[in-house]
Amino acid sequence: MTVLLHCCCAPCSAAIIEWMLNNDIEPVLFYYNPNIYPQEEYLIRKNELTRYAERLKLTVIDGDYDYQLWKDWACHNLNTTNLQDFPERGSRCLECFKLRLLEAAKKCKELGLEQFTTTLASSRWKSLDQINAAGQWAAEMVNGKVQELAQRRAARQTQRPTERKQFL
């Protein structure tokens, strides 16, 4: 089975990629993170993920960097001009997840793949409920259906069990 994997960075992606490969799931890596600022930081993360993927003979699809698009999206949806007023795990994060996973869903469909998922759920600093809600929303916007897959985070990354969803 081949699944589009939205990747936020190499450290968050490594354990999930290894788990997928060890379970006969071929990940197609999609790096789309227009929220990262400055662009130099975006490039550092993208290049590290690319370097890691090359060692595994995987390809990284770059979703292109457009920080202004992210700002416009979030400011419009949150009805604000100052995104710094929104705390971590707040509504700004949900909008960020929605934009990134919407693009992942579109790329998944464009490539003719049936499922996509994300490494965002691997971070203990992110709200799993927000990530799942954003993924379901994105899948419904593009395909109109969702399939859930319960799974634990890789033991190397953390012992805390969580639920990760794959979206159709």
N, C-alpha and C. Protein backbone atom coordinates (compact mmCIF):
# COMPACT_ATOMS: atom_id res chain seq x y z
N MET A 1 0.85 -1.18 0.00
CA MET A 1 0.00 0.00 0.00
C MET A 1 0.90 1.24 0.00
N THR A 2 0.52 2.25 -0.75
CA THR A 2 1.23 3.51 -0.82
C THR A 2 0.36 4.59 -0.20
N VAL A 3 0.96 5.40 0.67
CA VAL A 3 0.24 6.45 1.40
C VAL A 3 1.03 7.74 1.29
N LEU A 4 0.35 8.84 1.03
CA LEU A 4 1.00 10.15 1.05
C LEU A 4 1.21 10.54 2.51
N LEU A 5 2.43 10.87 2.88
CA LEU A 5 2.76 11.26 4.24
C LEU A 5 3.17 12.72 4.25
N HIS A 6 2.30 13.57 4.82
CA HIS A 6 2.67 14.97 5.01
C HIS A 6 3.72 15.01 6.11
N CYS A 7 4.87 15.62 5.81
CA CYS A 7 5.98 15.67 6.77
C CYS A 7 6.22 17.11 7.21
N CYS A 8 6.37 17.28 8.52
CA CYS A 8 6.67 18.61 9.04
C CYS A 8 8.17 18.82 9.18
N CYS A 9 8.93 17.76 9.49
CA CYS A 9 10.38 17.86 9.61
C CYS A 9 10.96 16.45 9.71
N ALA A 10 12.26 16.32 9.59
CA ALA A 10 12.89 15.01 9.65
C ALA A 10 12.76 14.34 11.02
N PRO A 11 13.02 15.05 12.14
CA PRO A 11 12.91 14.37 13.43
C PRO A 11 11.52 13.80 13.70
N CYS A 12 10.47 14.53 13.36
CA CYS A 12 9.10 14.03 13.57
C CYS A 12 8.75 12.93 12.57
N SER A 13 9.39 12.93 11.43
CA SER A 13 9.05 11.99 10.36
C SER A 13 9.75 10.66 10.49
N ALA A 14 10.94 10.64 11.05
CA ALA A 14 11.79 9.45 11.01
C ALA A 14 11.11 8.21 11.58
N ALA A 15 10.59 8.28 12.78
CA ALA A 15 10.00 7.10 13.41
C ALA A 15 8.76 6.63 12.65
N ILE A 16 7.98 7.58 12.14
CA ILE A 16 6.78 7.21 11.40
C ILE A 16 7.14 6.57 10.07
N ILE A 17 8.13 7.13 9.39
CA ILE A 17 8.58 6.54 8.12
C ILE A 17 9.09 5.12 8.36
N GLU A 18 9.90 4.94 9.40
CA GLU A 18 10.43 3.60 9.70
C GLU A 18 9.29 2.63 10.00
N TRP A 19 8.30 3.06 10.78
CA TRP A 19 7.16 2.20 11.08
C TRP A 19 6.44 1.81 9.80
N MET A 20 6.21 2.80 8.93
CA MET A 20 5.49 2.51 7.68
C MET A 20 6.27 1.50 6.85
N LEU A 21 7.56 1.73 6.68
CA LEU A 21 8.37 0.83 5.87
C LEU A 21 8.40 -0.57 6.47
N ASN A 22 8.47 -0.67 7.79
CA ASN A 22 8.49 -1.97 8.46
C ASN A 22 7.14 -2.69 8.41
N ASN A 23 6.10 -1.97 8.03
CA ASN A 23 4.76 -2.55 7.94
C ASN A 23 4.24 -2.56 6.50
N ASP A 24 5.17 -2.60 5.56
CA ASP A 24 4.84 -2.72 4.13
C ASP A 24 3.95 -1.60 3.62
N ILE A 25 4.15 -0.40 4.16
CA ILE A 25 3.46 0.79 3.67
C ILE A 25 4.52 1.69 3.06
N GLU A 26 4.34 1.99 1.80
CA GLU A 26 5.30 2.84 1.09
C GLU A 26 4.87 4.30 1.23
N PRO A 27 5.66 5.11 1.97
CA PRO A 27 5.29 6.51 2.10
C PRO A 27 5.79 7.36 0.93
N VAL A 28 4.92 8.21 0.44
CA VAL A 28 5.30 9.25 -0.51
C VAL A 28 5.36 10.52 0.34
N LEU A 29 6.55 11.07 0.50
CA LEU A 29 6.74 12.19 1.42
C LEU A 29 6.36 13.52 0.77
N PHE A 30 5.54 14.27 1.47
CA PHE A 30 5.06 15.57 0.99
C PHE A 30 5.41 16.61 2.04
N TYR A 31 6.34 17.50 1.69
CA TYR A 31 6.78 18.54 2.60
C TYR A 31 6.05 19.84 2.24
N TYR A 32 5.10 20.21 3.09
CA TYR A 32 4.34 21.44 2.86
C TYR A 32 4.13 22.14 4.19
N ASN A 33 4.84 23.22 4.39
CA ASN A 33 4.82 23.93 5.67
C ASN A 33 5.02 25.43 5.45
N PRO A 34 4.06 26.11 4.83
CA PRO A 34 4.23 27.54 4.53
C PRO A 34 4.19 28.41 5.78
N ASN A 35 3.84 27.84 6.92
CA ASN A 35 3.76 28.59 8.16
C ASN A 35 5.12 28.85 8.79
N ILE A 36 6.16 28.17 8.33
CA ILE A 36 7.48 28.30 8.95
C ILE A 36 8.14 29.59 8.48
N TYR A 37 8.65 30.33 9.45
CA TYR A 37 9.29 31.61 9.16
C TYR A 37 10.52 31.73 10.03
N PRO A 38 11.62 32.20 9.46
CA PRO A 38 11.82 32.70 8.09
C PRO A 38 12.06 31.55 7.10
N GLN A 39 12.17 31.91 5.86
CA GLN A 39 12.34 30.92 4.80
C GLN A 39 13.60 30.09 5.01
N GLU A 40 14.62 30.67 5.60
CA GLU A 40 15.85 29.93 5.86
C GLU A 40 15.57 28.72 6.76
N GLU A 41 14.72 28.88 7.76
CA GLU A 41 14.35 27.77 8.64
C GLU A 41 13.57 26.71 7.85
N TYR A 42 12.68 27.16 7.00
CA TYR A 42 11.93 26.25 6.13
C TYR A 42 12.91 25.39 5.32
N LEU A 43 13.90 26.03 4.73
CA LEU A 43 14.86 25.32 3.89
C LEU A 43 15.72 24.35 4.70
N ILE A 44 16.10 24.73 5.91
CA ILE A 44 16.87 23.82 6.77
C ILE A 44 16.06 22.55 7.01
N ARG A 45 14.80 22.71 7.36
CA ARG A 45 13.95 21.55 7.63
C ARG A 45 13.73 20.70 6.38
N LYS A 46 13.45 21.37 5.28
CA LYS A 46 13.23 20.64 4.02
C LYS A 46 14.48 19.88 3.61
N ASN A 47 15.63 20.53 3.69
CA ASN A 47 16.87 19.88 3.27
C ASN A 47 17.22 18.70 4.16
N GLU A 48 16.96 18.80 5.45
CA GLU A 48 17.24 17.68 6.36
C GLU A 48 16.31 16.50 6.07
N LEU A 49 15.05 16.79 5.81
CA LEU A 49 14.12 15.72 5.45
C LEU A 49 14.54 15.07 4.14
N THR A 50 14.94 15.87 3.18
CA THR A 50 15.38 15.36 1.88
C THR A 50 16.61 14.47 2.04
N ARG A 51 17.55 14.91 2.87
CA ARG A 51 18.76 14.13 3.11
C ARG A 51 18.43 12.77 3.73
N TYR A 52 17.53 12.79 4.71
CA TYR A 52 17.09 11.55 5.35
C TYR A 52 16.38 10.64 4.34
N ALA A 53 15.49 11.21 3.56
CA ALA A 53 14.72 10.44 2.58
C ALA A 53 15.63 9.81 1.53
N GLU A 54 16.63 10.53 1.11
CA GLU A 54 17.56 10.00 0.10
C GLU A 54 18.27 8.75 0.61
N ARG A 55 18.60 8.72 1.90
CA ARG A 55 19.25 7.53 2.48
C ARG A 55 18.33 6.32 2.42
N LEU A 56 17.02 6.57 2.45
CA LEU A 56 16.04 5.49 2.39
C LEU A 56 15.51 5.25 0.97
N LYS A 57 16.06 6.01 0.02
CA LYS A 57 15.64 5.93 -1.38
C LYS A 57 14.16 6.32 -1.55
N LEU A 58 13.76 7.33 -0.77
CA LEU A 58 12.41 7.89 -0.87
C LEU A 58 12.51 9.28 -1.47
N THR A 59 11.45 9.68 -2.12
CA THR A 59 11.40 11.00 -2.74
C THR A 59 10.58 11.95 -1.89
N VAL A 60 11.02 13.19 -1.83
CA VAL A 60 10.26 14.23 -1.14
C VAL A 60 9.65 15.14 -2.19
N ILE A 61 8.35 15.32 -2.10
CA ILE A 61 7.65 16.28 -2.96
C ILE A 61 7.56 17.58 -2.18
N ASP A 62 8.07 18.63 -2.76
CA ASP A 62 8.06 19.94 -2.10
C ASP A 62 6.78 20.68 -2.48
N GLY A 63 5.99 21.04 -1.49
CA GLY A 63 4.74 21.75 -1.73
C GLY A 63 4.92 23.25 -1.94
N ASP A 64 6.12 23.72 -1.99
CA ASP A 64 6.47 25.12 -2.23
C ASP A 64 6.21 25.99 -1.00
N TYR A 65 7.08 26.93 -0.81
CA TYR A 65 7.03 27.83 0.33
C TYR A 65 6.28 29.10 -0.05
N ASP A 66 5.25 29.42 0.72
CA ASP A 66 4.50 30.66 0.48
C ASP A 66 3.95 31.16 1.81
N TYR A 67 4.81 31.83 2.56
CA TYR A 67 4.44 32.32 3.89
C TYR A 67 3.29 33.31 3.81
N GLN A 68 3.26 34.12 2.78
CA GLN A 68 2.18 35.11 2.64
C GLN A 68 0.83 34.41 2.47
N LEU A 69 0.80 33.31 1.73
CA LEU A 69 -0.43 32.54 1.59
C LEU A 69 -0.92 32.07 2.96
N TRP A 70 0.00 31.53 3.76
CA TRP A 70 -0.36 31.08 5.11
C TRP A 70 -0.92 32.24 5.93
N LYS A 71 -0.24 33.38 5.93
CA LYS A 71 -0.71 34.53 6.70
C LYS A 71 -2.08 34.99 6.24
N ASP A 72 -2.26 35.08 4.94
CA ASP A 72 -3.56 35.51 4.40
C ASP A 72 -4.66 34.53 4.79
N TRP A 73 -4.39 33.24 4.66
CA TRP A 73 -5.35 32.19 5.01
C TRP A 73 -5.75 32.33 6.48
N ALA A 74 -4.76 32.35 7.34
CA ALA A 74 -5.03 32.36 8.78
C ALA A 74 -5.68 33.67 9.23
N CYS A 75 -5.18 34.78 8.76
CA CYS A 75 -5.77 36.07 9.16
C CYS A 75 -7.21 36.18 8.70
N HIS A 76 -7.49 35.70 7.49
CA HIS A 76 -8.86 35.73 6.98
C HIS A 76 -9.77 34.84 7.83
N ASN A 77 -9.35 33.60 8.05
CA ASN A 77 -10.19 32.64 8.78
C ASN A 77 -10.34 32.97 10.25
N LEU A 78 -9.36 33.67 10.82
CA LEU A 78 -9.42 34.04 12.23
C LEU A 78 -9.88 35.48 12.44
N ASN A 79 -10.12 36.16 11.33
CA ASN A 79 -10.59 37.55 11.39
C ASN A 79 -9.65 38.41 12.25
N THR A 80 -8.37 38.40 11.89
CA THR A 80 -7.37 39.15 12.64
C THR A 80 -6.28 39.64 11.70
N THR A 81 -5.46 40.53 12.20
CA THR A 81 -4.27 40.95 11.47
C THR A 81 -3.01 40.57 12.24
N ASN A 82 -3.18 40.02 13.46
CA ASN A 82 -2.04 39.69 14.30
C ASN A 82 -2.13 38.24 14.79
N LEU A 83 -1.41 37.37 14.13
CA LEU A 83 -1.46 35.95 14.48
C LEU A 83 -0.77 35.64 15.80
N GLN A 84 0.06 36.55 16.27
CA GLN A 84 0.77 36.31 17.53
C GLN A 84 -0.14 36.39 18.75
N ASP A 85 -1.36 36.84 18.56
CA ASP A 85 -2.32 36.91 19.66
C ASP A 85 -2.92 35.54 19.99
N PHE A 86 -2.62 34.53 19.18
CA PHE A 86 -3.23 33.21 19.35
C PHE A 86 -2.21 32.24 19.95
N PRO A 87 -2.56 31.59 21.05
CA PRO A 87 -1.61 30.70 21.74
C PRO A 87 -1.42 29.37 21.03
N GLU A 88 -0.34 28.69 21.39
CA GLU A 88 -0.10 27.33 20.91
C GLU A 88 -1.29 26.47 21.29
N ARG A 89 -1.69 25.58 20.37
CA ARG A 89 -2.84 24.69 20.48
C ARG A 89 -4.17 25.45 20.38
N GLY A 90 -4.11 26.70 19.98
CA GLY A 90 -5.33 27.49 19.81
C GLY A 90 -5.83 27.42 18.39
N SER A 91 -6.71 28.35 18.05
CA SER A 91 -7.35 28.34 16.74
C SER A 91 -6.38 28.60 15.60
N ARG A 92 -5.28 29.30 15.87
CA ARG A 92 -4.26 29.51 14.82
C ARG A 92 -3.69 28.17 14.38
N CYS A 93 -3.43 27.28 15.36
CA CYS A 93 -2.88 25.97 15.03
C CYS A 93 -3.86 25.16 14.17
N LEU A 94 -5.13 25.22 14.53
CA LEU A 94 -6.13 24.50 13.74
C LEU A 94 -6.12 24.99 12.29
N GLU A 95 -6.06 26.29 12.09
CA GLU A 95 -6.02 26.84 10.73
C GLU A 95 -4.77 26.40 9.99
N CYS A 96 -3.66 26.34 10.69
CA CYS A 96 -2.41 25.90 10.09
C CYS A 96 -2.53 24.44 9.64
N PHE A 97 -3.07 23.60 10.52
CA PHE A 97 -3.25 22.19 10.17
C PHE A 97 -4.20 22.04 8.99
N LYS A 98 -5.27 22.82 8.99
CA LYS A 98 -6.24 22.72 7.90
C LYS A 98 -5.61 23.06 6.55
N LEU A 99 -4.84 24.13 6.51
CA LEU A 99 -4.20 24.52 5.25
C LEU A 99 -3.23 23.43 4.79
N ARG A 100 -2.38 22.96 5.66
CA ARG A 100 -1.38 21.98 5.28
C ARG A 100 -2.02 20.64 4.87
N LEU A 101 -3.03 20.22 5.60
CA LEU A 101 -3.65 18.94 5.27
C LEU A 101 -4.58 19.03 4.07
N LEU A 102 -5.14 20.22 3.81
CA LEU A 102 -5.89 20.40 2.58
C LEU A 102 -4.97 20.23 1.37
N GLU A 103 -3.80 20.82 1.44
CA GLU A 103 -2.84 20.67 0.34
C GLU A 103 -2.37 19.22 0.22
N ALA A 104 -2.21 18.54 1.36
CA ALA A 104 -1.84 17.12 1.32
C ALA A 104 -2.94 16.30 0.66
N ALA A 105 -4.18 16.57 0.99
CA ALA A 105 -5.31 15.85 0.40
C ALA A 105 -5.36 16.09 -1.11
N LYS A 106 -5.13 17.32 -1.52
CA LYS A 106 -5.12 17.62 -2.97
C LYS A 106 -3.99 16.88 -3.67
N LYS A 107 -2.81 16.88 -3.04
CA LYS A 107 -1.66 16.19 -3.65
C LYS A 107 -1.91 14.70 -3.71
N CYS A 108 -2.51 14.15 -2.68
CA CYS A 108 -2.86 12.73 -2.65
C CYS A 108 -3.77 12.38 -3.82
N LYS A 109 -4.78 13.18 -4.02
CA LYS A 109 -5.73 12.94 -5.12
C LYS A 109 -5.02 13.11 -6.47
N GLU A 110 -4.20 14.15 -6.59
CA GLU A 110 -3.47 14.41 -7.83
C GLU A 110 -2.59 13.22 -8.21
N LEU A 111 -1.98 12.58 -7.20
CA LEU A 111 -1.09 11.45 -7.45
C LEU A 111 -1.84 10.13 -7.62
N GLY A 112 -3.15 10.16 -7.42
CA GLY A 112 -3.95 8.95 -7.56
C GLY A 112 -3.82 8.00 -6.37
N LEU A 113 -3.41 8.53 -5.23
CA LEU A 113 -3.30 7.72 -4.03
C LEU A 113 -4.63 7.74 -3.28
N GLU A 114 -4.86 6.71 -2.49
CA GLU A 114 -6.14 6.60 -1.79
C GLU A 114 -6.10 7.16 -0.38
N GLN A 115 -4.91 7.28 0.24
CA GLN A 115 -4.85 7.72 1.63
C GLN A 115 -3.71 8.70 1.84
N PHE A 116 -3.93 9.59 2.82
CA PHE A 116 -2.86 10.45 3.28
C PHE A 116 -2.91 10.51 4.80
N THR A 117 -1.76 10.84 5.36
CA THR A 117 -1.66 11.02 6.81
C THR A 117 -0.56 12.06 7.06
N THR A 118 -0.26 12.33 8.32
CA THR A 118 0.69 13.38 8.64
C THR A 118 1.56 13.01 9.82
N THR A 119 2.74 13.59 9.85
CA THR A 119 3.64 13.43 10.99
C THR A 119 3.32 14.42 12.10
N LEU A 120 2.43 15.35 11.85
CA LEU A 120 2.09 16.36 12.87
C LEU A 120 1.63 15.70 14.17
N ALA A 121 0.98 14.55 14.06
CA ALA A 121 0.45 13.87 15.24
C ALA A 121 1.56 13.30 16.13
N SER A 122 2.79 13.30 15.66
CA SER A 122 3.87 12.73 16.46
C SER A 122 4.38 13.70 17.54
N SER A 123 4.00 14.95 17.45
CA SER A 123 4.48 15.94 18.42
C SER A 123 3.57 16.01 19.63
N ARG A 124 4.17 15.88 20.81
CA ARG A 124 3.38 16.01 22.03
C ARG A 124 2.94 17.46 22.26
N TRP A 125 3.48 18.39 21.49
CA TRP A 125 3.15 19.81 21.66
C TRP A 125 1.94 20.22 20.82
N LYS A 126 1.46 19.32 19.99
CA LYS A 126 0.32 19.63 19.12
C LYS A 126 -0.92 18.91 19.61
N SER A 127 -2.07 19.49 19.35
CA SER A 127 -3.35 18.90 19.74
C SER A 127 -3.75 17.83 18.74
N LEU A 128 -3.81 16.60 19.19
CA LEU A 128 -4.21 15.51 18.32
C LEU A 128 -5.65 15.69 17.84
N ASP A 129 -6.50 16.22 18.68
CA ASP A 129 -7.89 16.47 18.27
C ASP A 129 -7.94 17.47 17.12
N GLN A 130 -7.13 18.52 17.19
CA GLN A 130 -7.09 19.51 16.11
C GLN A 130 -6.55 18.89 14.82
N ILE A 131 -5.51 18.08 14.94
CA ILE A 131 -4.92 17.45 13.75
C ILE A 131 -5.93 16.51 13.10
N ASN A 132 -6.59 15.71 13.91
CA ASN A 132 -7.60 14.80 13.36
C ASN A 132 -8.76 15.56 12.73
N ALA A 133 -9.21 16.61 13.38
CA ALA A 133 -10.31 17.42 12.83
C ALA A 133 -9.90 18.05 11.50
N ALA A 134 -8.68 18.57 11.44
CA ALA A 134 -8.19 19.19 10.21
C ALA A 134 -8.05 18.15 9.10
N GLY A 135 -7.56 16.97 9.43
CA GLY A 135 -7.41 15.92 8.42
C GLY A 135 -8.76 15.45 7.91
N GLN A 136 -9.71 15.29 8.79
CA GLN A 136 -11.05 14.89 8.35
C GLN A 136 -11.67 15.96 7.47
N TRP A 137 -11.53 17.21 7.88
CA TRP A 137 -12.06 18.33 7.10
C TRP A 137 -11.42 18.34 5.70
N ALA A 138 -10.09 18.20 5.65
CA ALA A 138 -9.39 18.22 4.36
C ALA A 138 -9.83 17.07 3.47
N ALA A 139 -9.95 15.88 4.04
CA ALA A 139 -10.39 14.73 3.26
C ALA A 139 -11.79 14.94 2.71
N GLU A 140 -12.66 15.50 3.53
CA GLU A 140 -14.03 15.76 3.08
C GLU A 140 -14.07 16.83 2.00
N MET A 141 -13.21 17.83 2.09
CA MET A 141 -13.16 18.88 1.07
C MET A 141 -12.72 18.31 -0.28
N VAL A 142 -11.83 17.33 -0.25
CA VAL A 142 -11.27 16.81 -1.50
C VAL A 142 -11.97 15.54 -1.97
N ASN A 143 -12.27 14.63 -1.05
CA ASN A 143 -12.81 13.33 -1.44
C ASN A 143 -14.17 13.00 -0.87
N GLY A 144 -14.53 13.63 0.23
CA GLY A 144 -15.82 13.37 0.83
C GLY A 144 -15.91 12.14 1.71
N LYS A 145 -14.78 11.51 2.07
CA LYS A 145 -14.84 10.35 2.95
C LYS A 145 -13.57 10.26 3.79
N VAL A 146 -13.68 9.55 4.93
CA VAL A 146 -12.57 9.44 5.87
C VAL A 146 -12.49 8.01 6.38
N GLN A 147 -11.29 7.51 6.54
CA GLN A 147 -11.07 6.21 7.18
C GLN A 147 -10.08 6.41 8.31
N GLU A 148 -10.37 5.84 9.47
CA GLU A 148 -9.49 5.99 10.62
C GLU A 148 -8.60 4.77 10.77
N LEU A 149 -7.39 5.00 11.26
CA LEU A 149 -6.47 3.92 11.56
C LEU A 149 -5.83 4.23 12.90
N ALA A 150 -6.12 3.43 13.92
CA ALA A 150 -5.51 3.62 15.24
C ALA A 150 -4.12 3.00 15.23
N GLN A 151 -3.18 3.70 15.87
CA GLN A 151 -1.80 3.21 15.88
C GLN A 151 -1.02 3.91 16.98
N ARG A 152 0.04 3.32 17.42
CA ARG A 152 0.89 3.93 18.44
C ARG A 152 2.06 4.65 17.78
N ARG A 153 2.57 5.65 18.49
CA ARG A 153 3.79 6.30 18.01
C ARG A 153 4.94 5.31 18.14
N ALA A 154 5.92 5.47 17.31
CA ALA A 154 7.07 4.56 17.37
C ALA A 154 7.77 4.69 18.72
N ALA A 155 8.20 3.58 19.27
CA ALA A 155 8.78 3.56 20.61
C ALA A 155 10.04 4.43 20.71
N ARG A 156 10.79 4.54 19.64
CA ARG A 156 11.99 5.38 19.68
C ARG A 156 11.66 6.82 19.94
N GLN A 157 10.51 7.27 19.48
CA GLN A 157 10.16 8.67 19.60
C GLN A 157 9.57 8.97 20.97
N THR A 158 8.64 8.15 21.42
CA THR A 158 8.02 8.35 22.72
C THR A 158 7.25 7.09 23.09
N GLN A 159 7.08 6.86 24.36
CA GLN A 159 6.32 5.71 24.81
C GLN A 159 4.84 6.03 24.94
N ARG A 160 4.46 7.29 24.79
CA ARG A 160 3.07 7.70 24.98
C ARG A 160 2.22 7.21 23.81
N PRO A 161 1.24 6.34 24.06
CA PRO A 161 0.40 5.86 22.96
C PRO A 161 -0.56 6.94 22.49
N THR A 162 -0.80 6.98 21.21
CA THR A 162 -1.73 7.95 20.65
C THR A 162 -2.49 7.31 19.50
N GLU A 163 -3.40 8.03 18.98
CA GLU A 163 -4.14 7.58 17.81
C GLU A 163 -3.70 8.45 16.64
N ARG A 164 -3.39 7.81 15.53
CA ARG A 164 -3.08 8.54 14.31
C ARG A 164 -4.11 8.14 13.29
N LYS A 165 -4.52 9.03 12.49
CA LYS A 165 -5.53 8.71 11.49
C LYS A 165 -4.94 8.81 10.09
N GLN A 166 -5.40 7.94 9.25
CA GLN A 166 -5.12 8.06 7.83
C GLN A 166 -6.41 8.53 7.20
N PHE A 167 -6.29 9.42 6.28
CA PHE A 167 -7.45 10.02 5.66
C PHE A 167 -7.53 9.60 4.21
N LEU A 168 -8.73 9.32 3.77
CA LEU A 168 -8.96 8.98 2.37
C LEU A 168 -9.21 10.25 1.59
